[in-house]
Protein backbone atom coordinates (compact mmCIF):
# COMPACT_ATOMS: atom_id res chain seq x y z
CA MET A 1 0.00 0.00 0.00
CA PRO A 2 1.46 3.42 -0.91
CA PRO A 3 2.27 5.84 1.90
CA ILE A 4 -0.41 8.34 2.85
CA LEU A 5 0.70 11.75 1.65
CA ASN A 6 -0.45 14.97 3.22
CA LYS A 7 -2.50 17.32 1.04
CA ASN A 8 0.44 19.42 -0.13
CA LYS A 9 2.62 16.42 -1.04
CA LYS A 10 -0.31 14.75 -2.75
CA ASP A 11 -0.97 17.88 -4.83
CA LEU A 12 2.71 18.09 -5.77
CA ALA A 13 2.75 14.44 -6.79
CA GLU A 14 -0.35 14.93 -8.94
CA GLN A 15 1.15 18.03 -10.54
CA GLU A 16 4.37 16.16 -11.25
CA GLY A 17 2.36 13.45 -12.98
CA ARG A 18 0.60 16.05 -15.12
CA ILE A 19 3.94 17.66 -16.00
CA LEU A 20 5.35 14.31 -17.11
CA LEU A 21 2.26 13.65 -19.24
CA ALA A 22 2.52 17.09 -20.82
CA ILE A 23 6.22 16.59 -21.58
CA SER A 24 5.45 13.22 -23.13
CA ASP A 25 2.69 14.69 -25.30
CA LEU A 26 4.93 17.55 -26.43
CA LYS A 27 7.84 15.26 -27.29
CA ASN A 28 5.57 12.85 -29.17
CA GLU A 29 3.97 15.85 -30.92
CA ARG A 30 0.45 15.02 -29.76
CA ILE A 31 0.40 18.62 -28.51
CA LEU A 32 2.39 21.20 -30.45
CA ARG A 33 2.60 24.23 -28.13
CA VAL A 34 3.78 24.52 -24.54
CA ALA A 35 1.02 26.97 -23.64
CA GLN A 36 -1.62 24.59 -24.96
CA ALA A 37 -0.15 21.66 -22.97
CA ALA A 38 -0.03 23.82 -19.84
CA ARG A 39 -3.73 24.70 -20.23
CA ILE A 40 -4.79 21.12 -20.93
CA TYR A 41 -2.88 19.66 -17.98
CA LYS A 42 -3.54 22.64 -15.66
CA ILE A 43 0.10 23.30 -14.85
CA PRO A 44 2.12 26.53 -14.89
CA ARG A 45 3.50 27.25 -18.36
CA THR A 46 6.82 28.47 -16.99
CA THR A 47 7.26 25.29 -14.96
CA LEU A 48 6.61 23.21 -18.05
CA GLN A 49 9.06 25.28 -20.10
CA ARG A 50 11.78 24.94 -17.46
CA ARG A 51 11.26 21.21 -17.21
CA LEU A 52 11.43 20.87 -20.99
CA SER A 53 14.73 22.74 -20.96
CA GLY A 54 16.20 20.23 -18.49
CA THR A 55 15.52 21.69 -15.05
CA GLN A 56 14.95 18.90 -12.56
CA GLN A 57 12.01 18.55 -10.21
CA ARG A 58 12.74 20.46 -6.98
CA SER A 59 12.31 17.41 -4.77
CA GLN A 60 14.95 15.58 -6.83
CA ILE A 61 17.74 18.11 -6.37
CA ARG A 62 19.82 18.98 -3.33
CA ALA A 63 18.93 22.22 -1.56
CA ASN A 64 21.32 25.15 -1.94
CA SER A 65 21.33 25.66 1.81
CA HIS A 66 23.18 22.41 2.53
CA LYS A 67 26.55 23.11 4.08
CA LEU A 68 28.06 19.80 2.95
CA THR A 69 28.18 18.02 -0.37
CA GLN A 70 26.36 14.69 -0.63
CA PHE A 71 29.70 12.85 -0.33
CA GLU A 72 30.73 14.86 2.73
CA GLU A 73 27.37 14.22 4.39
CA GLU A 74 27.60 10.48 3.74
CA SER A 75 31.15 10.45 5.13
CA LEU A 76 29.97 12.30 8.24
CA VAL A 77 27.14 9.82 8.78
CA LYS A 78 29.58 6.91 8.43
CA TRP A 79 31.86 8.57 10.98
CA ILE A 80 28.93 9.10 13.39
CA LEU A 81 27.89 5.45 13.04
CA TYR A 82 31.50 4.35 13.52
CA LEU A 83 31.82 6.37 16.73
CA ASP A 84 28.44 5.10 17.92
CA LYS A 85 29.51 1.50 17.29
CA HIS A 86 32.53 2.10 19.50
CA GLY A 87 30.50 3.73 22.26
CA LEU A 88 31.59 7.32 21.59
CA PRO A 89 28.71 9.12 19.87
CA PRO A 90 29.58 12.74 19.05
CA ARG A 91 27.76 15.61 20.71
CA HIS A 92 25.62 17.82 18.55
CA SER A 93 26.91 21.03 20.12
CA LEU A 94 30.09 20.82 18.07
CA VAL A 95 28.41 22.20 14.93
CA GLY A 96 25.16 23.83 16.01
CA GLU A 97 21.68 22.73 17.02
CA LYS A 98 19.71 23.46 13.84
CA TRP A 99 22.31 22.02 11.50
CA VAL A 100 22.38 18.70 13.33
CA TYR A 101 18.59 18.60 13.65
CA ASN A 102 18.21 19.04 9.88
CA LEU A 103 20.87 16.41 9.17
CA VAL A 104 19.15 13.89 11.45
CA LYS A 105 15.80 14.69 9.84
CA ARG A 106 17.24 13.89 6.38
CA ARG A 107 19.10 10.74 7.39
CA PRO A 108 16.99 7.89 8.83
CA GLU A 109 20.05 5.90 9.93
CA ILE A 110 20.96 8.39 12.67
CA GLU A 111 19.06 10.08 15.49
CA LEU A 112 19.53 12.39 18.46
CA LYS A 113 19.39 10.89 21.93
CA PHE A 114 20.30 11.92 25.43
CA SER A 115 23.12 9.97 26.99
CA ARG A 116 22.23 8.92 30.51
CA LYS A 117 24.09 9.11 33.75
CA TYR A 118 25.43 5.76 34.76
CA ASN A 119 25.04 4.75 38.37
CA TYR A 120 25.59 1.70 40.52
CA GLU A 121 21.94 0.60 40.60
CA ARG A 122 21.78 0.65 36.83
CA ALA A 123 25.07 -1.23 36.57
CA LYS A 124 23.67 -4.09 38.68
CA CYS A 125 20.96 -4.66 36.06
CA GLU A 126 23.25 -4.74 33.02
CA ASP A 127 23.37 -7.77 30.76
CA SER A 128 26.81 -9.36 30.90
CA ASN A 129 26.54 -10.47 27.24
CA ILE A 130 26.17 -6.87 26.11
CA ILE A 131 29.12 -5.82 28.24
CA GLN A 132 31.22 -8.66 26.83
CA GLU A 133 30.26 -7.63 23.30
CA TYR A 134 31.40 -4.09 24.06
CA PHE A 135 34.78 -5.24 25.30
CA HIS A 136 35.07 -7.56 22.32
CA ARG A 137 34.65 -4.47 20.10
CA VAL A 138 37.25 -2.64 22.17
CA ARG A 139 39.67 -5.54 21.64
CA GLU A 140 38.98 -5.46 17.89
CA VAL A 141 39.83 -1.76 17.74
CA ILE A 142 42.96 -2.24 19.83
CA LEU A 143 44.14 -5.01 17.50
CA GLU A 144 43.09 -3.20 14.33
CA TYR A 145 45.03 -0.06 15.18
CA GLY A 146 47.85 -1.62 17.20
CA ILE A 147 47.04 0.38 20.34
CA LEU A 148 49.40 -0.29 23.23
CA PRO A 149 48.03 -0.76 26.78
CA GLU A 150 49.89 2.32 28.02
CA ASP A 151 48.01 4.40 25.43
CA ILE A 152 44.55 3.53 26.78
CA TYR A 153 42.83 6.05 29.06
CA ASN A 154 39.34 6.39 30.46
CA PHE A 155 38.22 9.71 29.00
CA ASP A 156 36.52 11.27 26.01
CA GLU A 157 36.29 14.78 24.54
CA THR A 158 34.73 16.05 27.77
CA GLY A 159 37.62 14.94 29.96
CA PHE A 160 38.23 12.11 32.37
CA ALA A 161 35.17 10.08 33.32
CA MET A 162 35.40 10.07 37.11
CA GLY A 163 32.29 8.74 38.82
CA LEU A 164 29.10 9.74 37.05
CA CYS A 165 29.15 10.95 33.47
CA ALA A 166 26.99 13.96 32.69
CA THR A 167 23.89 13.73 30.53
CA ALA A 168 24.46 15.14 27.05
CA LYS A 169 22.68 15.13 23.72
CA VAL A 170 24.53 12.86 21.30
CA ILE A 171 24.09 11.61 17.73
CA THR A 172 23.70 7.85 17.44
CA GLY A 173 22.65 5.20 15.00
CA SER A 174 18.93 4.49 14.71
CA ASP A 175 17.78 1.26 16.25
């Protein structure tokens, strides 16, 4: 079953269909003039002219307001997922609230979450299999990069993790 579109998206989809039909009729010479096709299909003449000249549908092109190229954005998402896999999701405050919010909205594989304080009561309820999996990943990273034991410390970009870690908004992979 197709997704339910809101009124505006549904109207745009219908208009796009009419534009494609008009373009087809003009190219196959069933209709000879752009203005006539625009009237028949009830679409703006200028839109039809632009589309005939090669302009892409707005929803198919990348917005001018994006700060990163598509490749840079994909690389950033891979980096975020990599950090998340290793238990170090980046904080959104490094680049700005709105920018991160818009990135997360565009990319279904990542999301914003609040990290939680970790206390003794919570630690008692942890699943040992999950903890073992985490340390298995740590071992993999240590072996992959040849990290020496004397180069391993218990801190992140916020400093040493002594006692409770503060709650912070982080970017993680979607579950």
